[in-house]
Protein backbone atom coordinates (compact mmCIF):
# COMPACT_ATOMS: atom_id res chain seq x y z
CA MET A 1 0.01 0.10 0.01
CA TYR A 2 1.43 3.48 -0.51
CA VAL A 3 0.43 6.81 1.68
CA GLN A 4 0.72 9.73 -0.45
CA GLY A 5 0.54 13.41 1.69
CA LEU A 6 1.86 16.50 1.29
CA GLY A 7 5.44 15.59 0.83
CA HIS A 8 5.17 12.30 2.66
CA PHE A 9 5.98 9.23 -0.10
CA SER A 10 6.57 5.93 1.71
CA SER A 11 5.46 2.11 1.40
CA ILE A 12 3.84 -0.11 3.55
CA GLU A 13 4.36 -3.46 3.37
CA PRO A 14 3.41 -6.26 5.60
CA LYS A 15 5.84 -8.15 7.38
CA ALA A 16 4.66 -10.33 9.67
CA LYS A 17 2.54 -13.29 9.20
CA LEU A 18 0.22 -15.20 11.05
CA THR A 19 0.82 -18.84 11.97
CA LEU A 20 -1.31 -21.04 13.52
CA LYS A 21 -0.94 -21.63 17.42
CA LYS A 22 -0.45 -25.94 18.52
CA ALA A 23 -3.90 -27.45 17.91
CA PHE A 24 -6.10 -26.70 21.40
CA GLN A 25 -5.38 -29.56 23.93
CA ALA A 26 -8.15 -30.40 26.57
CA ASP A 27 -6.95 -30.60 30.06
CA THR A 28 -7.65 -33.93 31.09
CA ARG A 29 -6.48 -33.28 34.88
CA LYS A 30 -10.04 -31.91 35.19
CA GLU A 31 -12.63 -33.80 36.62
CA ASN A 32 -15.46 -34.22 33.93
CA PHE A 33 -18.89 -33.69 35.75
CA PRO A 34 -22.39 -34.79 34.48
CA VAL A 35 -24.49 -31.39 33.08
CA THR A 36 -27.58 -31.22 35.05
CA ASP A 37 -30.47 -27.99 34.11
CA THR A 38 -32.56 -27.77 36.88
CA VAL A 39 -36.29 -25.33 36.26
CA GLU A 40 -37.99 -23.66 39.31
CA ILE A 41 -41.17 -22.37 38.27
CA SER A 42 -42.46 -19.59 40.58
CA SER A 43 -46.14 -18.88 41.35
CA THR A 44 -45.72 -15.29 40.14
CA GLY A 45 -47.29 -16.48 37.01
CA SER A 46 -50.38 -17.77 37.66
CA THR A 47 -51.35 -14.90 39.83
CA ARG A 48 -50.18 -12.75 37.06
CA THR A 49 -52.10 -13.85 34.85
CA ALA A 50 -55.14 -14.17 36.87
CA LEU A 51 -55.06 -10.72 37.43
CA LEU A 52 -54.86 -9.79 33.71
CA GLU A 53 -57.92 -11.23 33.48
CA GLN A 54 -59.60 -9.55 36.52
CA ILE A 55 -58.39 -6.36 34.40
CA ARG A 56 -59.41 -7.71 31.21
CA GLN A 57 -63.24 -8.46 32.37
CA LYS A 58 -62.97 -5.10 34.24
CA ILE A 59 -61.98 -3.38 30.79
CA LYS A 60 -64.85 -5.27 29.29
CA THR A 61 -67.32 -4.45 31.83
CA GLY A 62 -66.41 -0.27 31.21
CA PHE A 63 -65.36 -0.24 35.22
CA TYR A 64 -62.25 2.10 33.69
CA ASN A 65 -65.21 4.36 31.94
CA SER A 66 -66.84 4.93 35.58
CA GLU A 67 -67.83 7.93 37.00
CA SER A 68 -66.35 7.46 40.19
CA VAL A 69 -62.64 6.19 38.30
CA LEU A 70 -62.51 9.07 36.19
CA GLU A 71 -63.36 11.10 39.55
CA ASP A 72 -60.56 9.12 41.20
CA LEU A 73 -58.10 9.70 38.08
CA SER A 74 -58.66 13.62 38.05
CA HIS A 75 -57.81 14.34 41.81
CA GLY A 76 -55.44 11.71 41.46
CA PHE A 77 -53.49 14.26 38.30
CA ALA A 78 -54.81 17.29 40.09
CA ASN A 79 -52.62 16.32 43.33
CA SER A 80 -49.15 15.63 41.31
CA MET A 81 -50.01 19.25 39.23
CA GLY A 82 -50.26 20.72 42.90
CA GLN A 83 -54.04 21.73 42.12
CA GLY A 84 -55.59 19.72 44.73
CA LEU A 85 -58.99 20.29 44.79
């Protein structure tokens, strides 16, 4: 490759060659243990599913559009903006 600039002319030739290292040899001194994988299923998954189903039912029945919910939300928004009712 030739590198040229203002008054700089030089040539770069690769001098180093890559050589392969010795083949990887497994360390036979280590003991081989059988690989076992275990799974513990927590109960939070089923609880979360039940909660999501309750929320779906409330959405279907219009619970979140009721006057009491809208009033609670409006009070919460007003309080967060420092305009408590």
